[in-house]
């Protein structure tokens, strides 16, 4: 079963487990225009693999083979999208492929919308390190 993590829990897991990997499953456009997370300054612990392709919006048929390359099935893998939905589906796909330590970051990179329609939560607005693509 995919573990559901808050941002604080995700940060703690990434800090305490040096082999944990974060996979950002948003689209290339989101990475470039919205920003990307920074994980302990280490590119080896952060992967970018689209769950849904851009442009077009079709499922990425190569997601699992691409994203699992070089990972052990018992390695902690955290998934991040805008708000926690695509990342949940990606984590479930990893579980179906035999991975045993999958984690969905429920608050996502941007979180939910506030009263004015702008996204106000998530990684980007929590004080965690990120950079503009």
C-alpha atoms as a PDB file:
ATOM      1  CA  UNK A   1       0.000   0.000   0.000  1.00  0.00           C
ATOM      2  CA  UNK A   2       1.341   3.412  -0.965  1.00  0.00           C
ATOM      3  CA  UNK A   3       2.304   5.443   2.099  1.00  0.00           C
ATOM      4  CA  UNK A   4       0.830   8.943   2.208  1.00  0.00           C
ATOM      5  CA  UNK A   5       3.337  11.567   3.379  1.00  0.00           C
ATOM      6  CA  UNK A   6       3.031  15.194   4.337  1.00  0.00           C
ATOM      7  CA  UNK A   7       5.795  17.529   3.189  1.00  0.00           C
ATOM      8  CA  UNK A   8       7.395  17.393   6.630  1.00  0.00           C
ATOM      9  CA  UNK A   9       7.362  13.585   6.599  1.00  0.00           C
ATOM     10  CA  UNK A  10       8.817  13.538   3.072  1.00  0.00           C
ATOM     11  CA  UNK A  11      11.595  15.933   4.098  1.00  0.00           C
ATOM     12  CA  UNK A  12      12.384  13.789   7.154  1.00  0.00           C
ATOM     13  CA  UNK A  13      12.452  10.571   5.109  1.00  0.00           C
ATOM     14  CA  UNK A  14      14.749  12.117   2.490  1.00  0.00           C
ATOM     15  CA  UNK A  15      17.018  13.426   5.281  1.00  0.00           C
ATOM     16  CA  UNK A  16      17.177  10.191   7.240  1.00  0.00           C
ATOM     17  CA  UNK A  17      17.460   7.788   4.297  1.00  0.00           C
ATOM     18  CA  UNK A  18      20.361   8.638   1.962  1.00  0.00           C
ATOM     19  CA  UNK A  19      19.222   6.084  -0.621  1.00  0.00           C
ATOM     20  CA  UNK A  20      15.673   7.481  -0.889  1.00  0.00           C
ATOM     21  CA  UNK A  21      14.787   8.896  -4.309  1.00  0.00           C
ATOM     22  CA  UNK A  22      12.216  11.542  -5.201  1.00  0.00           C
ATOM     23  CA  UNK A  23      10.521  11.256  -8.598  1.00  0.00           C
ATOM     24  CA  UNK A  24       8.750  14.368  -9.875  1.00  0.00           C
ATOM     25  CA  UNK A  25       6.048  13.081 -12.243  1.00  0.00           C
ATOM     26  CA  UNK A  26       4.760  16.424 -13.498  1.00  0.00           C
ATOM     27  CA  UNK A  27       5.145  17.493 -17.125  1.00  0.00           C
ATOM     28  CA  UNK A  28       8.197  19.079 -18.668  1.00  0.00           C
ATOM     29  CA  UNK A  29       6.229  22.324 -19.001  1.00  0.00           C
ATOM     30  CA  UNK A  30       5.541  22.328 -15.251  1.00  0.00           C
ATOM     31  CA  UNK A  31       9.211  21.729 -14.458  1.00  0.00           C
ATOM     32  CA  UNK A  32      10.272  24.574 -16.749  1.00  0.00           C
ATOM     33  CA  UNK A  33       7.627  27.164 -15.902  1.00  0.00           C
ATOM     34  CA  UNK A  34       6.509  26.399 -12.332  1.00  0.00           C
ATOM     35  CA  UNK A  35       9.786  25.210 -10.789  1.00  0.00           C
ATOM     36  CA  UNK A  36      11.345  22.054  -9.442  1.00  0.00           C
ATOM     37  CA  UNK A  37      12.229  20.732  -5.996  1.00  0.00           C
ATOM     38  CA  UNK A  38      15.797  20.699  -4.738  1.00  0.00           C
ATOM     39  CA  UNK A  39      16.778  17.630  -2.707  1.00  0.00           C
ATOM     40  CA  UNK A  40      19.846  18.078  -0.513  1.00  0.00           C
ATOM     41  CA  UNK A  41      21.672  19.575  -3.495  1.00  0.00           C
ATOM     42  CA  UNK A  42      22.023  16.089  -5.007  1.00  0.00           C
ATOM     43  CA  UNK A  43      20.821  15.396  -8.535  1.00  0.00           C
ATOM     44  CA  UNK A  44      21.257  11.635  -8.034  1.00  0.00           C
ATOM     45  CA  UNK A  45      18.345  11.532  -5.573  1.00  0.00           C
ATOM     46  CA  UNK A  46      15.949  13.437  -7.815  1.00  0.00           C
ATOM     47  CA  UNK A  47      14.412  12.184 -11.045  1.00  0.00           C
ATOM     48  CA  UNK A  48      12.077  13.836 -13.510  1.00  0.00           C
ATOM     49  CA  UNK A  49       9.811  11.448 -15.430  1.00  0.00           C
ATOM     50  CA  UNK A  50       6.466  12.594 -16.841  1.00  0.00           C
ATOM     51  CA  UNK A  51       3.449  10.484 -15.830  1.00  0.00           C
ATOM     52  CA  UNK A  52       1.361  12.234 -18.492  1.00  0.00           C
ATOM     53  CA  UNK A  53       3.209  13.447 -21.581  1.00  0.00           C
ATOM     54  CA  UNK A  54       3.329  17.054 -22.689  1.00  0.00           C
ATOM     55  CA  UNK A  55       2.127  18.136 -25.090  1.00  0.00           C
ATOM     56  CA  UNK A  56      -0.731  15.821 -25.796  1.00  0.00           C
ATOM     57  CA  UNK A  57      -1.730  14.682 -22.328  1.00  0.00           C
ATOM     58  CA  UNK A  58      -1.447  10.960 -23.000  1.00  0.00           C
ATOM     59  CA  UNK A  59      -0.130   8.488 -20.438  1.00  0.00           C
ATOM     60  CA  UNK A  60       3.614   7.914 -20.629  1.00  0.00           C
ATOM     61  CA  UNK A  61       3.880   4.246 -21.665  1.00  0.00           C
ATOM     62  CA  UNK A  62       7.583   4.297 -20.762  1.00  0.00           C
ATOM     63  CA  UNK A  63       7.080   5.692 -17.250  1.00  0.00           C
ATOM     64  CA  UNK A  64       7.828   2.536 -15.244  1.00  0.00           C
ATOM     65  CA  UNK A  65      10.789   1.299 -17.330  1.00  0.00           C
ATOM     66  CA  UNK A  66      12.323   4.778 -17.386  1.00  0.00           C
ATOM     67  CA  UNK A  67      11.672   5.688 -13.751  1.00  0.00           C
ATOM     68  CA  UNK A  68      12.780   2.337 -12.276  1.00  0.00           C
ATOM     69  CA  UNK A  69      16.146   2.212 -14.050  1.00  0.00           C
ATOM     70  CA  UNK A  70      18.875   1.594 -11.490  1.00  0.00           C
ATOM     71  CA  UNK A  71      16.542   1.399  -8.490  1.00  0.00           C
ATOM     72  CA  UNK A  72      16.231  -1.514  -6.076  1.00  0.00           C
ATOM     73  CA  UNK A  73      12.727  -2.794  -5.436  1.00  0.00           C
ATOM     74  CA  UNK A  74      13.087  -2.211  -1.679  1.00  0.00           C
ATOM     75  CA  UNK A  75      14.477   1.325  -2.068  1.00  0.00           C
ATOM     76  CA  UNK A  76      12.335   4.160  -0.686  1.00  0.00           C
ATOM     77  CA  UNK A  77      10.795   6.050  -3.600  1.00  0.00           C
ATOM     78  CA  UNK A  78       8.788   9.233  -3.093  1.00  0.00           C
ATOM     79  CA  UNK A  79       6.506  10.661  -5.776  1.00  0.00           C
ATOM     80  CA  UNK A  80       5.589  14.301  -6.334  1.00  0.00           C
ATOM     81  CA  UNK A  81       3.167  16.009  -8.720  1.00  0.00           C
ATOM     82  CA  UNK A  82       1.252  19.293  -8.548  1.00  0.00           C
ATOM     83  CA  UNK A  83      -1.285  18.257  -5.930  1.00  0.00           C
ATOM     84  CA  UNK A  84      -0.881  14.557  -5.113  1.00  0.00           C
ATOM     85  CA  UNK A  85      -3.105  12.800  -7.692  1.00  0.00           C
ATOM     86  CA  UNK A  86      -0.716  11.851 -10.519  1.00  0.00           C
ATOM     87  CA  UNK A  87       1.935  10.961  -7.973  1.00  0.00           C
ATOM     88  CA  UNK A  88      -0.469   8.527  -6.310  1.00  0.00           C
ATOM     89  CA  UNK A  89      -1.074   6.787  -9.641  1.00  0.00           C
ATOM     90  CA  UNK A  90       2.676   6.659 -10.330  1.00  0.00           C
ATOM     91  CA  UNK A  91       3.362   5.170  -6.883  1.00  0.00           C
ATOM     92  CA  UNK A  92       0.694   2.528  -7.507  1.00  0.00           C
ATOM     93  CA  UNK A  93       2.359   1.653 -10.824  1.00  0.00           C
ATOM     94  CA  UNK A  94       5.650   1.173  -8.960  1.00  0.00           C
ATOM     95  CA  UNK A  95       3.910  -1.105  -6.455  1.00  0.00           C
ATOM     96  CA  UNK A  96       2.454  -3.138  -9.315  1.00  0.00           C
ATOM     97  CA  UNK A  97       6.022  -3.476 -10.637  1.00  0.00           C
ATOM     98  CA  UNK A  98       7.119  -4.985  -7.304  1.00  0.00           C
ATOM     99  CA  UNK A  99       8.452  -1.964  -5.402  1.00  0.00           C
ATOM    100  CA  UNK A 100       7.830  -2.261  -1.670  1.00  0.00           C
ATOM    101  CA  UNK A 101       8.528   1.228  -0.284  1.00  0.00           C
ATOM    102  CA  UNK A 102       6.459   3.725  -2.278  1.00  0.00           C
ATOM    103  CA  UNK A 103       5.401   7.097  -0.891  1.00  0.00           C
ATOM    104  CA  UNK A 104       3.018   9.718  -2.258  1.00  0.00           C
ATOM    105  CA  UNK A 105       3.603  13.329  -1.191  1.00  0.00           C
ATOM    106  CA  UNK A 106      -0.021  14.315  -0.677  1.00  0.00           C
ATOM    107  CA  UNK A 107       0.498  18.089  -0.699  1.00  0.00           C
ATOM    108  CA  UNK A 108       2.300  18.068  -4.049  1.00  0.00           C
ATOM    109  CA  UNK A 109       4.555  20.771  -5.429  1.00  0.00           C
ATOM    110  CA  UNK A 110       1.916  23.512  -5.551  1.00  0.00           C
ATOM    111  CA  UNK A 111      -0.842  22.205  -3.285  1.00  0.00           C
ATOM    112  CA  UNK A 112      -4.491  23.128  -3.364  1.00  0.00           C
ATOM    113  CA  UNK A 113      -6.063  26.309  -4.659  1.00  0.00           C
ATOM    114  CA  UNK A 114      -6.753  29.156  -2.277  1.00  0.00           C
ATOM    115  CA  UNK A 115      -9.880  31.357  -2.268  1.00  0.00           C
ATOM    116  CA  UNK A 116      -8.522  33.479  -5.124  1.00  0.00           C
ATOM    117  CA  UNK A 117      -7.879  30.439  -7.353  1.00  0.00           C
ATOM    118  CA  UNK A 118      -4.092  30.543  -6.962  1.00  0.00           C
ATOM    119  CA  UNK A 119      -2.244  27.541  -5.591  1.00  0.00           C
ATOM    120  CA  UNK A 120      -1.046  28.298  -2.075  1.00  0.00           C
ATOM    121  CA  UNK A 121       0.447  25.147  -0.593  1.00  0.00           C
ATOM    122  CA  UNK A 122       2.752  22.320  -1.458  1.00  0.00           C
ATOM    123  CA  UNK A 123       6.510  22.125  -1.661  1.00  0.00           C
ATOM    124  CA  UNK A 124       6.833  25.483  -3.396  1.00  0.00           C
ATOM    125  CA  UNK A 125       5.098  27.439  -0.646  1.00  0.00           C
ATOM    126  CA  UNK A 126       6.272  25.472   2.404  1.00  0.00           C
ATOM    127  CA  UNK A 127       9.814  26.743   2.800  1.00  0.00           C
ATOM    128  CA  UNK A 128      11.399  23.660   1.223  1.00  0.00           C
ATOM    129  CA  UNK A 129      14.120  24.408  -1.302  1.00  0.00           C
ATOM    130  CA  UNK A 130      13.134  24.713  -4.951  1.00  0.00           C
ATOM    131  CA  UNK A 131      14.368  26.443  -8.069  1.00  0.00           C
ATOM    132  CA  UNK A 132      12.790  27.957 -11.126  1.00  0.00           C
ATOM    133  CA  UNK A 133      13.370  25.849 -14.257  1.00  0.00           C
END
